[in-house]
Structure formats: C-alpha cells, structure tokens
Amino acid sequence: MQNRELREQMVATCRRMNESGINQGTAGNLSVRTESGFLITPSSMPYDTMTAEDIVEMDFDGTYVGRRPSSEWRFHRDILKARDDINVVLHCHSVYATTLACHHKTIPSFHYMTGVAGGTTIRCSRYATFGTQALSDAALEALEGRLACLLGQHGQISLGKTLDAALWLAIEVETLSRMYVQALALGEPPVLPDEEMERVIAQMKRMSYGLGPEAEGSNDIARPRKA
C-alpha cells in the first residue's frame, strides 16, 4: 500500500479532531496532496474504526481507488488543485463556527487572531447543497486569499501545509467563533482597523505564528541571556 505512513497520520489527525471537540460522529473530512493526486477520508465511516487501509486514493480527474470517498471530495480536489501554497484540506462541523455559518456571519477582525486565516476577516460562503460543484465553487470564493472560511449553514474549512497546521487552524477558527458568539451577546464588538490588521498579519508571517518555532531574529526585543 502506497503512502502508508501518511495514511496513518491522517487517521491520527481525524481522531484528534474528535478528541479536540471540533468534530462529532462521521461528520467532517480530511485530504492531503500526494505526488500523483491526493488521499481523502472515506464516506460515512467513524474515525474510531477507520484504519490506514480505509483512506481513499484519488486523482484530480475524480477517479479513485478503494472505498467510496467523502461526499465532499469535489471541494477537496478543487482547493488542492487551485492552491499550490497548501497541501491539506480539513473540513468539520465545529459547533460555534457552524453556529455563525447558520447565520451567514463572516468573522470580522474583532480580535487580532482573526489574522491567522490570512486576512482581516474569516468569510462565510453562500449556501450550496453538500457534495455539489456549487458548494466547491462557493468555498473557493470564500477562501480566496485566506486559509480558512465558514460554509453557509454547514461548517468550516481550514487549510495548511501540514496536517498539524490545518488542525491547529481549525481549532483556532472554532475558538474565535466561540469568542465572537459570546462577544455578540454584549452587542456588535468593535473591529480593529485594516492598517492594524496588516501589521498583525505581517508580524504573524515573520514569526510563523502557530506553525512552529520562531525564526532567529523574529523577536526584535528579547535577547539571549548571557552565560
């Protein structure tokens, strides 16, 4: 079986999705780019019973080997095809993100961490029936220039270069969604200006924020302690 280690990592990530609380039951799906196409989780299979052998191998022409792929394979394929800056697509129905998506609410820059998705907002796509090309088209629009989006009356999508990065971002999107829902209880919160968010996003890129150790020199204040 090709890509066995990657398949095992995908299964482990799916289980971490459930353990973290961003996914439940058989909802959600995950894909990873390979040299010849991509791997994707199968349709309607609980993560706790999924094995490496159950992961489906797909080509960008929509053909596959093995079990029936996730019903959302179209947006996985189209996102991976359109975005050579990422290798992983993670979709889940996390509760607070989906709550906002049910109201078609875009997450504004009410908190600086909104910038982790690559822009001043985390957009919400228009609604389209699950598993359709229309949903894929809507997702691609909402993800333009972004690493995450909400899907209208559906859930969220988070992208990453690695499985860990995509999972980290999905959890951050859910955390931001929860904070935004709670902030809305007090009224519409103030929004940080675009100029500040530009500084925040630039700082995040310099520091690879949330994606690993900071590059040497990225923190321009602290200095190593002398022995």
C-alpha atoms as a PDB file:
ATOM      1  CA  MET A   1       0.000   0.000   0.000  1.00  0.00           C
ATOM      2  CA  GLN A   2       1.408   3.388  -1.040  1.00  0.00           C
ATOM      3  CA  ASN A   3       1.797   6.291   1.416  1.00  0.00           C
ATOM      4  CA  ARG A   4       1.091   4.095   4.435  1.00  0.00           C
ATOM      5  CA  GLU A   5       2.758   6.452   6.911  1.00  0.00           C
ATOM      6  CA  LEU A   6       0.793   9.415   5.555  1.00  0.00           C
ATOM      7  CA  ARG A   7      -2.436   7.429   5.741  1.00  0.00           C
ATOM      8  CA  GLU A   8      -1.743   6.579   9.388  1.00  0.00           C
ATOM      9  CA  GLN A   9      -1.054  10.243  10.120  1.00  0.00           C
ATOM     10  CA  MET A  10      -4.388  11.149   8.538  1.00  0.00           C
ATOM     11  CA  VAL A  11      -6.250   8.653  10.714  1.00  0.00           C
ATOM     12  CA  ALA A  12      -4.475  10.015  13.800  1.00  0.00           C
ATOM     13  CA  THR A  13      -5.409  13.580  12.822  1.00  0.00           C
ATOM     14  CA  CYS A  14      -9.051  12.618  12.328  1.00  0.00           C
ATOM     15  CA  ARG A  15      -9.137  11.147  15.821  1.00  0.00           C
ATOM     16  CA  ARG A  16      -7.539  14.299  17.194  1.00  0.00           C
ATOM     17  CA  MET A  17     -10.340  16.278  15.513  1.00  0.00           C
ATOM     18  CA  ASN A  18     -12.869  14.361  17.601  1.00  0.00           C
ATOM     19  CA  GLU A  19     -10.754  14.494  20.765  1.00  0.00           C
ATOM     20  CA  SER A  20     -10.418  18.270  20.439  1.00  0.00           C
ATOM     21  CA  GLY A  21     -14.191  18.622  20.153  1.00  0.00           C
ATOM     22  CA  ILE A  22     -14.250  20.211  16.686  1.00  0.00           C
ATOM     23  CA  ASN A  23     -15.867  17.163  15.115  1.00  0.00           C
ATOM     24  CA  GLN A  24     -18.509  14.598  16.016  1.00  0.00           C
ATOM     25  CA  GLY A  25     -19.552  11.204  14.673  1.00  0.00           C
ATOM     26  CA  THR A  26     -18.950  10.717  10.951  1.00  0.00           C
ATOM     27  CA  ALA A  27     -19.093  14.445  10.140  1.00  0.00           C
ATOM     28  CA  GLY A  28     -16.101  16.194   8.616  1.00  0.00           C
ATOM     29  CA  ASN A  29     -13.402  15.017   6.224  1.00  0.00           C
ATOM     30  CA  LEU A  30      -9.696  15.397   5.515  1.00  0.00           C
ATOM     31  CA  SER A  31      -7.464  15.300   2.436  1.00  0.00           C
ATOM     32  CA  VAL A  32      -3.717  15.513   1.759  1.00  0.00           C
ATOM     33  CA  ARG A  33      -1.884  16.139  -1.501  1.00  0.00           C
ATOM     34  CA  THR A  34       0.353  13.361  -2.863  1.00  0.00           C
ATOM     35  CA  GLU A  35       2.726  13.211  -5.822  1.00  0.00           C
ATOM     36  CA  SER A  36       0.062  11.746  -8.093  1.00  0.00           C
ATOM     37  CA  GLY A  37      -3.158  13.203  -6.660  1.00  0.00           C
ATOM     38  CA  PHE A  38      -4.489  13.226  -3.123  1.00  0.00           C
ATOM     39  CA  LEU A  39      -5.635  10.999  -0.261  1.00  0.00           C
ATOM     40  CA  ILE A  40      -9.052  11.574   1.318  1.00  0.00           C
ATOM     41  CA  THR A  41     -11.109  10.072   4.107  1.00  0.00           C
ATOM     42  CA  PRO A  42     -13.876   7.638   3.089  1.00  0.00           C
ATOM     43  CA  SER A  43     -17.591   8.362   3.197  1.00  0.00           C
ATOM     44  CA  SER A  44     -19.646   7.698   6.343  1.00  0.00           C
ATOM     45  CA  MET A  45     -17.001   5.956   8.449  1.00  0.00           C
ATOM     46  CA  PRO A  46     -16.475   6.753  12.151  1.00  0.00           C
ATOM     47  CA  TYR A  47     -12.934   7.886  12.845  1.00  0.00           C
ATOM     48  CA  ASP A  48     -12.500   5.497  15.762  1.00  0.00           C
ATOM     49  CA  THR A  49     -12.900   2.495  13.451  1.00  0.00           C
ATOM     50  CA  MET A  50     -11.029   3.939  10.460  1.00  0.00           C
ATOM     51  CA  THR A  51      -7.680   2.419   9.502  1.00  0.00           C
ATOM     52  CA  ALA A  52      -4.933   3.372   7.059  1.00  0.00           C
ATOM     53  CA  GLU A  53      -6.377   0.908   4.528  1.00  0.00           C
ATOM     54  CA  ASP A  54      -9.690   2.825   4.518  1.00  0.00           C
ATOM     55  CA  ILE A  55      -8.131   6.066   3.266  1.00  0.00           C
ATOM     56  CA  VAL A  56      -9.074   6.617  -0.393  1.00  0.00           C
ATOM     57  CA  GLU A  57      -6.599   7.428  -3.167  1.00  0.00           C
ATOM     58  CA  MET A  58      -7.957   9.934  -5.708  1.00  0.00           C
ATOM     59  CA  ASP A  59      -6.790  11.582  -8.911  1.00  0.00           C
ATOM     60  CA  PHE A  60      -7.675  15.148  -9.852  1.00  0.00           C
ATOM     61  CA  ASP A  61      -9.928  13.795 -12.603  1.00  0.00           C
ATOM     62  CA  GLY A  62     -12.259  12.437  -9.894  1.00  0.00           C
ATOM     63  CA  THR A  63     -11.355   8.750 -10.252  1.00  0.00           C
ATOM     64  CA  TYR A  64     -10.425   6.803  -7.130  1.00  0.00           C
ATOM     65  CA  VAL A  65      -9.124   3.519  -5.779  1.00  0.00           C
ATOM     66  CA  GLY A  66     -10.637   1.796  -2.742  1.00  0.00           C
ATOM     67  CA  ARG A  67     -13.686   2.758  -0.724  1.00  0.00           C
ATOM     68  CA  ARG A  68     -16.150   5.445  -1.775  1.00  0.00           C
ATOM     69  CA  PRO A  69     -14.561   8.835  -0.961  1.00  0.00           C
ATOM     70  CA  SER A  70     -16.112  11.532   1.180  1.00  0.00           C
ATOM     71  CA  SER A  71     -19.144  13.146  -0.424  1.00  0.00           C
ATOM     72  CA  GLU A  72     -17.214  16.437  -0.232  1.00  0.00           C
ATOM     73  CA  TRP A  73     -14.356  15.226  -2.463  1.00  0.00           C
ATOM     74  CA  ARG A  74     -15.119  17.953  -5.022  1.00  0.00           C
ATOM     75  CA  PHE A  75     -14.095  20.867  -2.842  1.00  0.00           C
ATOM     76  CA  HIS A  76     -11.065  18.952  -1.570  1.00  0.00           C
ATOM     77  CA  ARG A  77      -9.969  18.338  -5.152  1.00  0.00           C
ATOM     78  CA  ASP A  78     -10.687  21.856  -6.344  1.00  0.00           C
ATOM     79  CA  ILE A  79      -8.983  23.563  -3.395  1.00  0.00           C
ATOM     80  CA  LEU A  80      -5.844  21.417  -3.701  1.00  0.00           C
ATOM     81  CA  LYS A  81      -5.814  21.999  -7.463  1.00  0.00           C
ATOM     82  CA  ALA A  82      -6.187  25.769  -7.103  1.00  0.00           C
ATOM     83  CA  ARG A  83      -3.891  26.313  -4.118  1.00  0.00           C
ATOM     84  CA  ASP A  84      -0.296  25.188  -4.509  1.00  0.00           C
ATOM     85  CA  ASP A  85       0.538  27.016  -1.264  1.00  0.00           C
ATOM     86  CA  ILE A  86      -1.191  24.325   0.834  1.00  0.00           C
ATOM     87  CA  ASN A  87      -1.232  20.526   0.994  1.00  0.00           C
ATOM     88  CA  VAL A  88      -4.042  19.759   3.461  1.00  0.00           C
ATOM     89  CA  VAL A  89      -7.775  20.488   3.472  1.00  0.00           C
ATOM     90  CA  LEU A  90      -9.674  19.909   6.725  1.00  0.00           C
ATOM     91  CA  HIS A  91     -13.453  20.222   6.988  1.00  0.00           C
ATOM     92  CA  CYS A  92     -15.508  19.898  10.169  1.00  0.00           C
ATOM     93  CA  HIS A  93     -18.815  20.922  11.733  1.00  0.00           C
ATOM     94  CA  SER A  94     -17.389  22.542  14.868  1.00  0.00           C
ATOM     95  CA  VAL A  95     -20.249  23.903  16.955  1.00  0.00           C
ATOM     96  CA  TYR A  96     -19.527  27.636  17.236  1.00  0.00           C
ATOM     97  CA  ALA A  97     -18.190  28.029  13.696  1.00  0.00           C
ATOM     98  CA  THR A  98     -21.306  26.271  12.429  1.00  0.00           C
ATOM     99  CA  THR A  99     -23.487  28.487  14.636  1.00  0.00           C
ATOM    100  CA  LEU A 100     -22.101  31.555  12.865  1.00  0.00           C
ATOM    101  CA  ALA A 101     -22.347  29.809   9.493  1.00  0.00           C
ATOM    102  CA  CYS A 102     -26.056  29.176  10.111  1.00  0.00           C
ATOM    103  CA  HIS A 103     -26.478  32.972  10.244  1.00  0.00           C
ATOM    104  CA  HIS A 104     -24.100  33.508   7.281  1.00  0.00           C
ATOM    105  CA  LYS A 105     -21.908  35.639   9.540  1.00  0.00           C
ATOM    106  CA  THR A 106     -18.392  36.498   8.452  1.00  0.00           C
ATOM    107  CA  ILE A 107     -15.967  36.781  11.386  1.00  0.00           C
ATOM    108  CA  PRO A 108     -14.556  40.342  11.423  1.00  0.00           C
ATOM    109  CA  SER A 109     -11.276  41.452  12.965  1.00  0.00           C
ATOM    110  CA  PHE A 110     -12.899  41.835  16.404  1.00  0.00           C
ATOM    111  CA  HIS A 111      -9.772  40.088  17.738  1.00  0.00           C
ATOM    112  CA  TYR A 112      -6.287  40.214  16.257  1.00  0.00           C
ATOM    113  CA  MET A 113      -6.144  36.401  15.987  1.00  0.00           C
ATOM    114  CA  THR A 114      -8.566  36.632  13.047  1.00  0.00           C
ATOM    115  CA  GLY A 115      -5.372  37.296  11.099  1.00  0.00           C
ATOM    116  CA  VAL A 116      -4.233  33.660  11.405  1.00  0.00           C
ATOM    117  CA  ALA A 117      -6.550  32.867   8.484  1.00  0.00           C
ATOM    118  CA  GLY A 118      -4.567  35.246   6.293  1.00  0.00           C
ATOM    119  CA  GLY A 119      -6.782  38.326   6.142  1.00  0.00           C
ATOM    120  CA  THR A 120      -8.891  40.852   8.022  1.00  0.00           C
ATOM    121  CA  THR A 121     -11.916  38.523   8.044  1.00  0.00           C
ATOM    122  CA  ILE A 122     -12.848  34.867   8.010  1.00  0.00           C
ATOM    123  CA  ARG A 123     -15.508  34.861   5.328  1.00  0.00           C
ATOM    124  CA  CYS A 124     -18.695  32.819   5.254  1.00  0.00           C
ATOM    125  CA  SER A 125     -19.585  31.322   1.886  1.00  0.00           C
ATOM    126  CA  ARG A 126     -23.019  31.299   0.345  1.00  0.00           C
ATOM    127  CA  TYR A 127     -25.055  28.146   0.967  1.00  0.00           C
ATOM    128  CA  ALA A 128     -24.962  25.264  -1.521  1.00  0.00           C
ATOM    129  CA  THR A 129     -26.040  21.617  -1.234  1.00  0.00           C
ATOM    130  CA  PHE A 130     -23.378  19.377   0.276  1.00  0.00           C
ATOM    131  CA  GLY A 131     -21.317  17.305  -2.127  1.00  0.00           C
ATOM    132  CA  THR A 132     -22.045  19.525  -5.137  1.00  0.00           C
ATOM    133  CA  GLN A 133     -19.878  21.504  -7.512  1.00  0.00           C
ATOM    134  CA  ALA A 134     -21.812  24.579  -6.409  1.00  0.00           C
ATOM    135  CA  LEU A 135     -20.507  24.119  -2.858  1.00  0.00           C
ATOM    136  CA  SER A 136     -16.970  23.718  -4.158  1.00  0.00           C
ATOM    137  CA  ASP A 137     -17.288  26.939  -6.159  1.00  0.00           C
ATOM    138  CA  ALA A 138     -18.647  28.780  -3.120  1.00  0.00           C
ATOM    139  CA  ALA A 139     -15.799  27.504  -0.926  1.00  0.00           C
ATOM    140  CA  LEU A 140     -13.149  28.587  -3.434  1.00  0.00           C
ATOM    141  CA  GLU A 141     -14.610  32.104  -3.482  1.00  0.00           C
ATOM    142  CA  ALA A 142     -14.671  32.368   0.313  1.00  0.00           C
ATOM    143  CA  LEU A 143     -11.098  31.038   0.564  1.00  0.00           C
ATOM    144  CA  GLU A 144      -9.580  33.475  -1.908  1.00  0.00           C
ATOM    145  CA  GLY A 145      -6.559  34.953  -0.131  1.00  0.00           C
ATOM    146  CA  ARG A 146      -7.470  33.034   3.031  1.00  0.00           C
ATOM    147  CA  LEU A 147      -6.525  29.843   4.840  1.00  0.00           C
ATOM    148  CA  ALA A 148      -9.959  29.288   6.380  1.00  0.00           C
ATOM    149  CA  CYS A 149     -13.624  30.020   5.796  1.00  0.00           C
ATOM    150  CA  LEU A 150     -17.071  29.200   7.100  1.00  0.00           C
ATOM    151  CA  LEU A 151     -19.525  27.391   4.839  1.00  0.00           C
ATOM    152  CA  GLY A 152     -23.022  28.865   4.890  1.00  0.00           C
ATOM    153  CA  GLN A 153     -25.348  26.734   7.042  1.00  0.00           C
ATOM    154  CA  HIS A 154     -22.773  23.949   7.031  1.00  0.00           C
ATOM    155  CA  GLY A 155     -19.421  24.190   8.884  1.00  0.00           C
ATOM    156  CA  GLN A 156     -15.842  25.329   8.365  1.00  0.00           C
ATOM    157  CA  ILE A 157     -12.809  24.608   6.172  1.00  0.00           C
ATOM    158  CA  SER A 158      -9.206  25.115   7.294  1.00  0.00           C
ATOM    159  CA  LEU A 159      -6.105  24.702   5.132  1.00  0.00           C
ATOM    160  CA  GLY A 160      -2.441  24.076   5.867  1.00  0.00           C
ATOM    161  CA  LYS A 161       0.882  22.953   4.506  1.00  0.00           C
ATOM    162  CA  THR A 162       0.826  20.094   7.013  1.00  0.00           C
ATOM    163  CA  LEU A 163      -1.754  18.066   8.915  1.00  0.00           C
ATOM    164  CA  ASP A 164      -0.713  19.700  12.188  1.00  0.00           C
ATOM    165  CA  ALA A 165      -1.038  23.198  10.703  1.00  0.00           C
ATOM    166  CA  ALA A 166      -4.526  22.555   9.326  1.00  0.00           C
ATOM    167  CA  LEU A 167      -5.739  21.054  12.610  1.00  0.00           C
ATOM    168  CA  TRP A 168      -4.240  23.917  14.619  1.00  0.00           C
ATOM    169  CA  LEU A 169      -6.014  26.445  12.402  1.00  0.00           C
ATOM    170  CA  ALA A 170      -9.354  24.616  12.596  1.00  0.00           C
ATOM    171  CA  ILE A 171      -9.178  24.718  16.396  1.00  0.00           C
ATOM    172  CA  GLU A 172      -8.281  28.444  16.269  1.00  0.00           C
ATOM    173  CA  VAL A 173     -11.233  29.148  13.959  1.00  0.00           C
ATOM    174  CA  GLU A 174     -13.536  27.372  16.393  1.00  0.00           C
ATOM    175  CA  THR A 175     -12.049  29.307  19.336  1.00  0.00           C
ATOM    176  CA  LEU A 176     -12.504  32.618  17.519  1.00  0.00           C
ATOM    177  CA  SER A 177     -16.053  31.618  16.599  1.00  0.00           C
ATOM    178  CA  ARG A 178     -16.877  30.903  20.221  1.00  0.00           C
ATOM    179  CA  MET A 179     -15.403  34.241  21.346  1.00  0.00           C
ATOM    180  CA  TYR A 180     -17.346  36.083  18.630  1.00  0.00           C
ATOM    181  CA  VAL A 181     -20.648  34.408  19.555  1.00  0.00           C
ATOM    182  CA  GLN A 182     -20.071  35.348  23.198  1.00  0.00           C
ATOM    183  CA  ALA A 183     -18.995  38.917  22.322  1.00  0.00           C
ATOM    184  CA  LEU A 184     -22.163  39.359  20.254  1.00  0.00           C
ATOM    185  CA  ALA A 185     -24.209  38.751  23.417  1.00  0.00           C
ATOM    186  CA  LEU A 186     -22.958  42.163  24.575  1.00  0.00           C
ATOM    187  CA  GLY A 187     -23.573  43.771  21.195  1.00  0.00           C
ATOM    188  CA  GLU A 188     -21.548  44.017  17.985  1.00  0.00           C
ATOM    189  CA  PRO A 189     -17.901  44.284  19.135  1.00  0.00           C
ATOM    190  CA  PRO A 190     -15.521  46.962  17.832  1.00  0.00           C
ATOM    191  CA  VAL A 191     -13.329  45.915  14.912  1.00  0.00           C
ATOM    192  CA  LEU A 192      -9.599  46.517  14.572  1.00  0.00           C
ATOM    193  CA  PRO A 193      -8.757  48.811  11.633  1.00  0.00           C
ATOM    194  CA  ASP A 194      -7.303  47.303   8.457  1.00  0.00           C
ATOM    195  CA  GLU A 195      -3.982  49.096   8.999  1.00  0.00           C
ATOM    196  CA  GLU A 196      -3.527  47.362  12.355  1.00  0.00           C
ATOM    197  CA  MET A 197      -4.541  44.002  10.913  1.00  0.00           C
ATOM    198  CA  GLU A 198      -1.949  44.473   8.154  1.00  0.00           C
ATOM    199  CA  ARG A 199       0.690  44.909  10.870  1.00  0.00           C
ATOM    200  CA  VAL A 200      -0.641  41.873  12.749  1.00  0.00           C
ATOM    201  CA  ILE A 201      -0.631  39.648   9.660  1.00  0.00           C
ATOM    202  CA  ALA A 202       2.884  40.765   8.699  1.00  0.00           C
ATOM    203  CA  GLN A 203       4.080  40.007  12.243  1.00  0.00           C
ATOM    204  CA  MET A 204       2.408  36.588  12.132  1.00  0.00           C
ATOM    205  CA  LYS A 205       4.134  35.766   8.848  1.00  0.00           C
ATOM    206  CA  ARG A 206       7.512  36.860  10.231  1.00  0.00           C
ATOM    207  CA  MET A 207       7.027  34.666  13.293  1.00  0.00           C
ATOM    208  CA  SER A 208       5.335  31.703  11.519  1.00  0.00           C
ATOM    209  CA  TYR A 209       2.686  32.265  14.185  1.00  0.00           C
ATOM    210  CA  GLY A 210       1.269  28.981  15.480  1.00  0.00           C
ATOM    211  CA  LEU A 211       3.156  26.947  12.889  1.00  0.00           C
ATOM    212  CA  GLY A 212       6.427  26.245  14.649  1.00  0.00           C
ATOM    213  CA  PRO A 213       9.407  27.839  16.419  1.00  0.00           C
ATOM    214  CA  GLU A 214      10.029  31.465  15.564  1.00  0.00           C
ATOM    215  CA  ALA A 215      12.790  32.181  13.082  1.00  0.00           C
ATOM    216  CA  GLU A 216      16.019  33.526  14.555  1.00  0.00           C
ATOM    217  CA  GLY A 217      15.721  37.283  14.992  1.00  0.00           C
ATOM    218  CA  SER A 218      11.950  37.418  14.553  1.00  0.00           C
ATOM    219  CA  ASN A 219      11.563  38.792  18.082  1.00  0.00           C
ATOM    220  CA  ASP A 220      13.308  42.146  17.993  1.00  0.00           C
ATOM    221  CA  ILE A 221      13.161  42.889  21.729  1.00  0.00           C
ATOM    222  CA  ALA A 222      14.191  39.788  23.682  1.00  0.00           C
ATOM    223  CA  ARG A 223      17.843  38.801  23.723  1.00  0.00           C
ATOM    224  CA  PRO A 224      19.501  35.510  24.720  1.00  0.00           C
ATOM    225  CA  ARG A 225      20.664  35.500  28.337  1.00  0.00           C
ATOM    226  CA  LYS A 226      24.441  35.579  28.663  1.00  0.00           C
ATOM    227  CA  ALA A 227      26.024  32.634  30.437  1.00  0.00           C
END
